[in-house]
Amino acid sequence: MQMILQFIVSLFIFLVLSTQTNAFFPSTISSVATLTPAVDYNLPYAGILPDHPLYTLKVLRDRILLFFTRDPEKKVHLNLLFSDKRLVMGQMLWEKGNIDLSVSTIGKGEKYLLSAAIDLLALKKKNNLPPGLSDKVELAAKKHEEVIMKLIKFSDDEAKRHSLNLALGINYQAIQQILSAK
């Protein structure tokens, strides 16, 4: 009995220590040296991905949270969180080879980022902008730009590059809104 228990514990330790995941960049992308310094912004854990059967419940939950959030500052934080999560989901789907869904998810994430930027501008107009919030959203937008640019570089399909460029355009719109709020 003790041998079986030792075997199970050893097997568990081996499996835990031997699995290596890279949830933020595909291995081909992360090994490439970049000319520009990486943006120091931590992206959150994505949770379930859009290819999961329960993903629609997650989307519904997100929409309900946004609908019932009346505080503009909290709304900026929520939109930023949803945007960051969609970006990470897109990266994870890219790694899995589900490129179409990846590009679509990244585009939706950039729309959340634009919503955060617009809400940020509304806070500025009301003179309720907390210190550091616009810097945080701007840093997130720069991180999104960095990630999307890396994905564009490694995309072979012209249609996918075009869709990623559209997402990048939304990102640039968000950056303009953020700079207006400063």
Protein backbone atom coordinates (compact mmCIF):
# COMPACT_ATOMS: atom_id res chain seq x y z
CA MET A 1 0.00 0.00 0.00
CA GLN A 2 2.83 2.37 0.87
CA MET A 3 4.54 1.64 -2.50
CA ILE A 4 1.36 2.53 -4.36
CA LEU A 5 1.00 5.78 -2.43
CA GLN A 6 4.64 6.69 -3.14
CA PHE A 7 4.14 5.91 -6.80
CA ILE A 8 1.04 8.11 -7.03
CA VAL A 9 2.76 11.01 -5.24
CA SER A 10 5.83 10.66 -7.47
CA LEU A 11 3.69 10.55 -10.58
CA PHE A 12 1.77 13.62 -9.46
CA ILE A 13 4.96 15.58 -8.75
CA PHE A 14 6.41 14.52 -12.10
CA LEU A 15 3.31 15.62 -13.98
CA VAL A 16 3.07 18.95 -12.20
CA LEU A 17 6.73 19.81 -12.67
CA SER A 18 7.05 18.54 -16.22
CA THR A 19 4.12 20.42 -17.75
CA GLN A 20 5.11 23.74 -19.16
CA THR A 21 2.55 26.20 -20.41
CA ASN A 22 3.05 29.58 -21.96
CA ALA A 23 -0.31 31.30 -21.82
CA PHE A 24 0.82 34.64 -23.14
CA PHE A 25 2.79 34.01 -26.31
CA PRO A 26 3.20 31.15 -28.72
CA SER A 27 6.66 29.65 -28.51
CA THR A 28 7.60 31.01 -31.92
CA ILE A 29 6.66 34.52 -30.87
CA SER A 30 8.23 34.60 -27.43
CA SER A 31 11.61 33.41 -28.70
CA VAL A 32 11.97 36.30 -31.14
CA ALA A 33 14.00 39.27 -29.96
CA THR A 34 12.15 42.55 -30.27
CA LEU A 35 13.69 45.86 -31.14
CA THR A 36 11.42 47.79 -28.83
CA PRO A 37 11.37 47.12 -25.10
CA ALA A 38 8.47 45.05 -23.86
CA VAL A 39 5.69 46.88 -22.08
CA ASP A 40 5.71 46.06 -18.38
CA TYR A 41 2.04 45.26 -17.85
CA ASN A 42 0.72 42.02 -16.40
CA LEU A 43 -2.20 40.42 -18.17
CA PRO A 44 -4.78 38.48 -16.12
CA TYR A 45 -5.67 34.82 -16.31
CA ALA A 46 -8.18 34.28 -19.10
CA GLY A 47 -10.43 31.63 -17.59
CA ILE A 48 -12.48 29.58 -20.02
CA LEU A 49 -11.93 30.19 -23.71
CA PRO A 50 -14.50 30.98 -26.42
CA ASP A 51 -14.28 27.42 -27.73
CA HIS A 52 -15.63 26.09 -24.40
CA PRO A 53 -19.36 25.20 -24.22
CA LEU A 54 -19.92 27.37 -21.12
CA TYR A 55 -18.32 30.46 -22.63
CA THR A 56 -21.70 32.00 -23.47
CA LEU A 57 -22.49 32.06 -19.74
CA LYS A 58 -19.26 33.96 -19.14
CA VAL A 59 -20.19 36.52 -21.81
CA LEU A 60 -23.66 36.87 -20.30
CA ARG A 61 -22.15 37.39 -16.85
CA ASP A 62 -19.81 40.08 -18.23
CA ARG A 63 -22.66 41.94 -19.89
CA ILE A 64 -24.78 41.80 -16.75
CA LEU A 65 -21.88 43.13 -14.66
CA LEU A 66 -21.36 46.02 -17.07
CA PHE A 67 -25.07 46.79 -17.23
CA PHE A 68 -25.47 47.00 -13.46
CA THR A 69 -22.23 48.87 -12.80
CA ARG A 70 -23.13 52.53 -12.46
CA ASP A 71 -19.88 53.91 -11.03
CA PRO A 72 -17.89 55.17 -14.05
CA GLU A 73 -14.54 54.37 -12.42
CA LYS A 74 -15.57 50.78 -11.75
CA LYS A 75 -16.88 50.56 -15.30
CA VAL A 76 -13.45 51.58 -16.62
CA HIS A 77 -11.83 48.88 -14.49
CA LEU A 78 -14.32 46.25 -15.66
CA ASN A 79 -13.94 47.14 -19.34
CA LEU A 80 -10.17 47.06 -18.95
CA LEU A 81 -10.30 43.66 -17.25
CA PHE A 82 -12.56 42.20 -19.94
CA SER A 83 -10.32 43.66 -22.62
CA ASP A 84 -7.19 42.17 -21.08
CA LYS A 85 -8.85 38.78 -20.68
CA ARG A 86 -9.99 38.75 -24.31
CA LEU A 87 -6.44 39.53 -25.42
CA VAL A 88 -5.07 36.61 -23.40
CA MET A 89 -7.85 34.37 -24.71
CA GLY A 90 -6.91 35.36 -28.23
CA GLN A 91 -3.27 34.48 -27.59
CA MET A 92 -4.22 31.12 -26.12
CA LEU A 93 -6.49 30.34 -29.06
CA TRP A 94 -3.65 31.33 -31.41
CA GLU A 95 -1.40 28.84 -29.65
CA LYS A 96 -4.06 26.15 -30.03
CA GLY A 97 -4.24 26.85 -33.75
CA ASN A 98 -7.76 28.28 -33.70
CA ILE A 99 -6.69 31.42 -35.56
CA ASP A 100 -10.15 32.56 -36.75
CA LEU A 101 -11.60 32.55 -33.25
CA SER A 102 -8.40 34.10 -31.91
CA VAL A 103 -8.61 37.09 -34.24
CA SER A 104 -12.31 37.56 -33.51
CA THR A 105 -11.72 37.43 -29.74
CA ILE A 106 -8.88 39.96 -29.92
CA GLY A 107 -11.11 42.31 -31.90
CA LYS A 108 -13.84 42.08 -29.26
CA GLY A 109 -11.25 42.74 -26.57
CA GLU A 110 -10.14 45.92 -28.30
CA LYS A 111 -13.75 47.11 -28.32
CA TYR A 112 -13.79 46.70 -24.53
CA LEU A 113 -10.56 48.72 -24.39
CA LEU A 114 -12.16 51.48 -26.46
CA SER A 115 -15.16 51.48 -24.10
CA ALA A 116 -12.79 51.85 -21.16
CA ALA A 117 -11.10 54.79 -22.90
CA ILE A 118 -14.43 56.47 -23.65
CA ASP A 119 -15.54 56.04 -20.02
CA LEU A 120 -12.18 57.46 -18.97
CA LEU A 121 -12.80 60.54 -21.10
CA ALA A 122 -16.26 60.92 -19.52
CA LEU A 123 -14.64 60.83 -16.07
CA LYS A 124 -12.21 63.54 -17.16
CA LYS A 125 -15.05 65.76 -18.39
CA LYS A 126 -16.76 65.41 -14.98
CA ASN A 127 -13.44 66.15 -13.20
CA ASN A 128 -13.71 62.79 -11.39
CA LEU A 129 -10.64 61.16 -12.92
CA PRO A 130 -8.69 59.34 -10.19
CA PRO A 131 -4.92 59.76 -10.32
CA GLY A 132 -3.11 57.01 -12.20
CA LEU A 133 -6.17 55.52 -13.90
CA SER A 134 -5.44 57.04 -17.30
CA ASP A 135 -1.81 55.88 -17.02
CA LYS A 136 -2.97 52.34 -16.28
CA VAL A 137 -5.34 52.26 -19.24
CA GLU A 138 -2.67 53.76 -21.51
CA LEU A 139 -0.15 51.13 -20.40
CA ALA A 140 -2.70 48.41 -21.10
CA ALA A 141 -3.35 49.84 -24.57
CA LYS A 142 0.37 49.82 -25.31
CA LYS A 143 0.60 46.19 -24.16
CA HIS A 144 -2.32 45.30 -26.42
CA GLU A 145 -0.60 47.05 -29.31
CA GLU A 146 2.61 45.11 -28.64
CA VAL A 147 0.84 41.75 -28.57
CA ILE A 148 -1.23 42.42 -31.68
CA MET A 149 1.84 43.59 -33.59
CA LYS A 150 3.63 40.35 -32.71
CA LEU A 151 0.67 38.31 -33.91
CA ILE A 152 0.53 40.29 -37.17
CA LYS A 153 4.21 39.54 -37.80
CA PHE A 154 3.62 35.80 -37.47
CA SER A 155 0.37 35.61 -39.42
CA ASP A 156 0.61 33.95 -42.83
CA ASP A 157 -2.94 34.68 -43.93
CA GLU A 158 -3.65 38.10 -45.43
CA ALA A 159 -7.27 38.07 -44.20
CA LYS A 160 -6.14 37.38 -40.63
CA ARG A 161 -3.56 40.19 -40.84
CA HIS A 162 -6.29 42.50 -42.09
CA SER A 163 -8.56 41.58 -39.16
CA LEU A 164 -5.71 42.08 -36.72
CA ASN A 165 -4.98 45.44 -38.32
CA LEU A 166 -8.62 46.39 -37.75
CA ALA A 167 -8.22 45.46 -34.08
CA LEU A 168 -5.04 47.54 -34.02
CA GLY A 169 -7.02 50.45 -35.47
CA ILE A 170 -9.50 50.17 -32.60
CA ASN A 171 -6.52 50.13 -30.26
CA TYR A 172 -5.23 53.37 -31.79
CA GLN A 173 -8.66 54.96 -31.37
CA ALA A 174 -8.56 53.97 -27.70
CA ILE A 175 -5.09 55.47 -27.30
CA GLN A 176 -6.34 58.75 -28.81
CA GLN A 177 -9.24 58.80 -26.33
CA ILE A 178 -6.85 58.06 -23.47
CA LEU A 179 -4.50 60.85 -24.49
CA SER A 180 -7.47 63.22 -24.67
CA ALA A 181 -8.37 62.27 -21.10
CA LYS A 182 -4.91 63.12 -19.74
